[in-house]
Amino acid sequence: MTPEPLGPGGDPYPAMFGKPNKAQLDRLVLQTAKYFREREAVLLE
């Protein structure tokens, strides 16, 4: 299982020309990492 790509979704224009919201992307990455660590801990119990 892998997380979904972070970004504007199916619209290619923002992906090519938009400026990413770095704070929002950082928050999403931290949230994703936290989720996977929690799931891993449950599986390893």
PDB file of N, CA and C in Angstrom:
ATOM      1  N   MET A   1       0.842  -1.173   0.000  1.00  0.00           N
ATOM      2  CA  MET A   1       0.000   0.000   0.000  1.00  0.00           C
ATOM      3  C   MET A   1       0.889   1.238   0.000  1.00  0.00           C
ATOM      4  N   THR A   2       0.547   2.188  -0.838  1.00  0.00           N
ATOM      5  CA  THR A   2       1.311   3.431  -0.894  1.00  0.00           C
ATOM      6  C   THR A   2       0.359   4.610  -0.814  1.00  0.00           C
ATOM      7  N   PRO A   3       0.835   5.734  -0.284  1.00  0.00           N
ATOM      8  CA  PRO A   3      -0.030   6.913  -0.219  1.00  0.00           C
ATOM      9  C   PRO A   3      -0.270   7.485  -1.610  1.00  0.00           C
ATOM     10  N   GLU A   4      -1.354   8.200  -1.745  1.00  0.00           N
ATOM     11  CA  GLU A   4      -1.654   8.881  -3.001  1.00  0.00           C
ATOM     12  C   GLU A   4      -0.661  10.014  -3.219  1.00  0.00           C
ATOM     13  N   PRO A   5      -0.370  10.342  -4.479  1.00  0.00           N
ATOM     14  CA  PRO A   5       0.512  11.484  -4.744  1.00  0.00           C
ATOM     15  C   PRO A   5      -0.093  12.769  -4.190  1.00  0.00           C
ATOM     16  N   LEU A   6       0.748  13.615  -3.668  1.00  0.00           N
ATOM     17  CA  LEU A   6       0.279  14.886  -3.137  1.00  0.00           C
ATOM     18  C   LEU A   6       0.285  15.911  -4.254  1.00  0.00           C
ATOM     19  N   GLY A   7      -0.791  16.628  -4.401  1.00  0.00           N
ATOM     20  CA  GLY A   7      -0.838  17.635  -5.447  1.00  0.00           C
ATOM     21  C   GLY A   7      -2.263  17.993  -5.808  1.00  0.00           C
ATOM     22  N   PRO A   8      -2.422  18.631  -6.958  1.00  0.00           N
ATOM     23  CA  PRO A   8      -3.711  19.208  -7.311  1.00  0.00           C
ATOM     24  C   PRO A   8      -4.730  18.227  -7.871  1.00  0.00           C
ATOM     25  N   GLY A   9      -4.457  16.962  -7.890  1.00  0.00           N
ATOM     26  CA  GLY A   9      -5.421  16.005  -8.407  1.00  0.00           C
ATOM     27  C   GLY A   9      -5.278  15.808  -9.901  1.00  0.00           C
ATOM     28  N   GLY A  10      -6.407  15.679 -10.596  1.00  0.00           N
ATOM     29  CA  GLY A  10      -6.379  15.356 -12.007  1.00  0.00           C
ATOM     30  C   GLY A  10      -6.171  16.520 -12.953  1.00  0.00           C
ATOM     31  N   ASP A  11      -6.096  17.728 -12.438  1.00  0.00           N
ATOM     32  CA  ASP A  11      -5.930  18.900 -13.298  1.00  0.00           C
ATOM     33  C   ASP A  11      -4.445  19.123 -13.561  1.00  0.00           C
ATOM     34  N   PRO A  12      -3.970  18.924 -14.807  1.00  0.00           N
ATOM     35  CA  PRO A  12      -2.528  19.035 -15.065  1.00  0.00           C
ATOM     36  C   PRO A  12      -1.993  20.466 -15.044  1.00  0.00           C
ATOM     37  N   TYR A  13      -2.853  21.467 -15.270  1.00  0.00           N
ATOM     38  CA  TYR A  13      -2.355  22.844 -15.338  1.00  0.00           C
ATOM     39  C   TYR A  13      -1.686  23.284 -14.034  1.00  0.00           C
ATOM     40  N   PRO A  14      -2.346  23.143 -12.862  1.00  0.00           N
ATOM     41  CA  PRO A  14      -1.663  23.535 -11.617  1.00  0.00           C
ATOM     42  C   PRO A  14      -0.409  22.708 -11.357  1.00  0.00           C
ATOM     43  N   ALA A  15      -0.436  21.446 -11.763  1.00  0.00           N
ATOM     44  CA  ALA A  15       0.743  20.604 -11.553  1.00  0.00           C
ATOM     45  C   ALA A  15       1.933  21.131 -12.341  1.00  0.00           C
ATOM     46  N   MET A  16       1.668  21.667 -13.529  1.00  0.00           N
ATOM     47  CA  MET A  16       2.756  22.160 -14.376  1.00  0.00           C
ATOM     48  C   MET A  16       3.157  23.595 -14.040  1.00  0.00           C
ATOM     49  N   PHE A  17       2.181  24.438 -13.692  1.00  0.00           N
ATOM     50  CA  PHE A  17       2.459  25.866 -13.580  1.00  0.00           C
ATOM     51  C   PHE A  17       2.173  26.465 -12.207  1.00  0.00           C
ATOM     52  N   GLY A  18       1.486  25.728 -11.351  1.00  0.00           N
ATOM     53  CA  GLY A  18       1.121  26.262 -10.045  1.00  0.00           C
ATOM     54  C   GLY A  18       2.280  26.230  -9.063  1.00  0.00           C
ATOM     55  N   LYS A  19       2.184  27.064  -8.055  1.00  0.00           N
ATOM     56  CA  LYS A  19       3.174  27.059  -6.980  1.00  0.00           C
ATOM     57  C   LYS A  19       2.604  26.236  -5.829  1.00  0.00           C
ATOM     58  N   PRO A  20       3.344  25.240  -5.354  1.00  0.00           N
ATOM     59  CA  PRO A  20       2.820  24.409  -4.270  1.00  0.00           C
ATOM     60  C   PRO A  20       2.757  25.183  -2.953  1.00  0.00           C
ATOM     61  N   ASN A  21       1.786  24.832  -2.157  1.00  0.00           N
ATOM     62  CA  ASN A  21       1.678  25.382  -0.812  1.00  0.00           C
ATOM     63  C   ASN A  21       2.560  24.502   0.074  1.00  0.00           C
ATOM     64  N   LYS A  22       3.769  24.972   0.346  1.00  0.00           N
ATOM     65  CA  LYS A  22       4.751  24.142   1.059  1.00  0.00           C
ATOM     66  C   LYS A  22       4.280  23.743   2.448  1.00  0.00           C
ATOM     67  N   ALA A  23       3.628  24.657   3.152  1.00  0.00           N
ATOM     68  CA  ALA A  23       3.152  24.334   4.501  1.00  0.00           C
ATOM     69  C   ALA A  23       2.103  23.224   4.445  1.00  0.00           C
ATOM     70  N   GLN A  24       1.203  23.313   3.479  1.00  0.00           N
ATOM     71  CA  GLN A  24       0.167  22.291   3.347  1.00  0.00           C
ATOM     72  C   GLN A  24       0.780  20.942   2.963  1.00  0.00           C
ATOM     73  N   LEU A  25       1.736  20.951   2.041  1.00  0.00           N
ATOM     74  CA  LEU A  25       2.389  19.700   1.657  1.00  0.00           C
ATOM     75  C   LEU A  25       3.162  19.096   2.826  1.00  0.00           C
ATOM     76  N   ASP A  26       3.849  19.927   3.604  1.00  0.00           N
ATOM     77  CA  ASP A  26       4.557  19.430   4.791  1.00  0.00           C
ATOM     78  C   ASP A  26       3.581  18.771   5.759  1.00  0.00           C
ATOM     79  N   ARG A  27       2.433  19.416   5.969  1.00  0.00           N
ATOM     80  CA  ARG A  27       1.419  18.884   6.873  1.00  0.00           C
ATOM     81  C   ARG A  27       0.901  17.532   6.357  1.00  0.00           C
ATOM     82  N   LEU A  28       0.653  17.439   5.053  1.00  0.00           N
ATOM     83  CA  LEU A  28       0.159  16.188   4.481  1.00  0.00           C
ATOM     84  C   LEU A  28       1.193  15.071   4.591  1.00  0.00           C
ATOM     85  N   VAL A  29       2.455  15.398   4.362  1.00  0.00           N
ATOM     86  CA  VAL A  29       3.516  14.394   4.476  1.00  0.00           C
ATOM     87  C   VAL A  29       3.627  13.909   5.917  1.00  0.00           C
ATOM     88  N   LEU A  30       3.606  14.832   6.875  1.00  0.00           N
ATOM     89  CA  LEU A  30       3.690  14.437   8.284  1.00  0.00           C
ATOM     90  C   LEU A  30       2.491  13.589   8.698  1.00  0.00           C
ATOM     91  N   GLN A  31       1.305  13.971   8.227  1.00  0.00           N
ATOM     92  CA  GLN A  31       0.096  13.215   8.545  1.00  0.00           C
ATOM     93  C   GLN A  31       0.181  11.805   7.961  1.00  0.00           C
ATOM     94  N   THR A  32       0.652  11.693   6.729  1.00  0.00           N
ATOM     95  CA  THR A  32       0.776  10.387   6.081  1.00  0.00           C
ATOM     96  C   THR A  32       1.795   9.515   6.805  1.00  0.00           C
ATOM     97  N   ALA A  33       2.946  10.086   7.135  1.00  0.00           N
ATOM     98  CA  ALA A  33       3.984   9.326   7.837  1.00  0.00           C
ATOM     99  C   ALA A  33       3.478   8.856   9.201  1.00  0.00           C
ATOM    100  N   LYS A  34       2.777   9.728   9.914  1.00  0.00           N
ATOM    101  CA  LYS A  34       2.232   9.377  11.229  1.00  0.00           C
ATOM    102  C   LYS A  34       1.242   8.219  11.099  1.00  0.00           C
ATOM    103  N   TYR A  35       0.378   8.305  10.104  1.00  0.00           N
ATOM    104  CA  TYR A  35      -0.606   7.251   9.877  1.00  0.00           C
ATOM    105  C   TYR A  35       0.079   5.904   9.625  1.00  0.00           C
ATOM    106  N   PHE A  36       1.068   5.883   8.750  1.00  0.00           N
ATOM    107  CA  PHE A  36       1.738   4.626   8.433  1.00  0.00           C
ATOM    108  C   PHE A  36       2.517   4.091   9.623  1.00  0.00           C
ATOM    109  N   ARG A  37       3.117   4.955  10.411  1.00  0.00           N
ATOM    110  CA  ARG A  37       3.829   4.484  11.618  1.00  0.00           C
ATOM    111  C   ARG A  37       2.862   3.874  12.621  1.00  0.00           C
ATOM    112  N   GLU A  38       1.680   4.502  12.776  1.00  0.00           N
ATOM    113  CA  GLU A  38       0.675   3.956  13.687  1.00  0.00           C
ATOM    114  C   GLU A  38       0.197   2.587  13.203  1.00  0.00           C
ATOM    115  N   ARG A  39      -0.059   2.467  11.909  1.00  0.00           N
ATOM    116  CA  ARG A  39      -0.504   1.185  11.348  1.00  0.00           C
ATOM    117  C   ARG A  39       0.576   0.116  11.498  1.00  0.00           C
ATOM    118  N   GLU A  40       1.820   0.506  11.260  1.00  0.00           N
ATOM    119  CA  GLU A  40       2.929  -0.434  11.395  1.00  0.00           C
ATOM    120  C   GLU A  40       3.041  -0.925  12.834  1.00  0.00           C
ATOM    121  N   ALA A  41       2.890  -0.012  13.796  1.00  0.00           N
ATOM    122  CA  ALA A  41       2.983  -0.386  15.208  1.00  0.00           C
ATOM    123  C   ALA A  41       1.902  -1.396  15.577  1.00  0.00           C
ATOM    124  N   VAL A  42       0.690  -1.204  15.058  1.00  0.00           N
ATOM    125  CA  VAL A  42      -0.399  -2.146  15.337  1.00  0.00           C
ATOM    126  C   VAL A  42      -0.073  -3.520  14.755  1.00  0.00           C
ATOM    127  N   LEU A  43       0.464  -3.535  13.553  1.00  0.00           N
ATOM    128  CA  LEU A  43       0.789  -4.814  12.914  1.00  0.00           C
ATOM    129  C   LEU A  43       1.931  -5.539  13.615  1.00  0.00           C
ATOM    130  N   LEU A  44       2.842  -4.799  14.214  1.00  0.00           N
ATOM    131  CA  LEU A  44       3.999  -5.407  14.861  1.00  0.00           C
ATOM    132  C   LEU A  44       3.730  -5.826  16.303  1.00  0.00           C
ATOM    133  N   GLU A  45       2.570  -5.481  16.834  1.00  0.00           N
ATOM    134  CA  GLU A  45       2.244  -5.857  18.221  1.00  0.00           C
ATOM    135  C   GLU A  45       2.065  -7.344  18.363  1.00  0.00           C
TER     136      GLU A  45
END
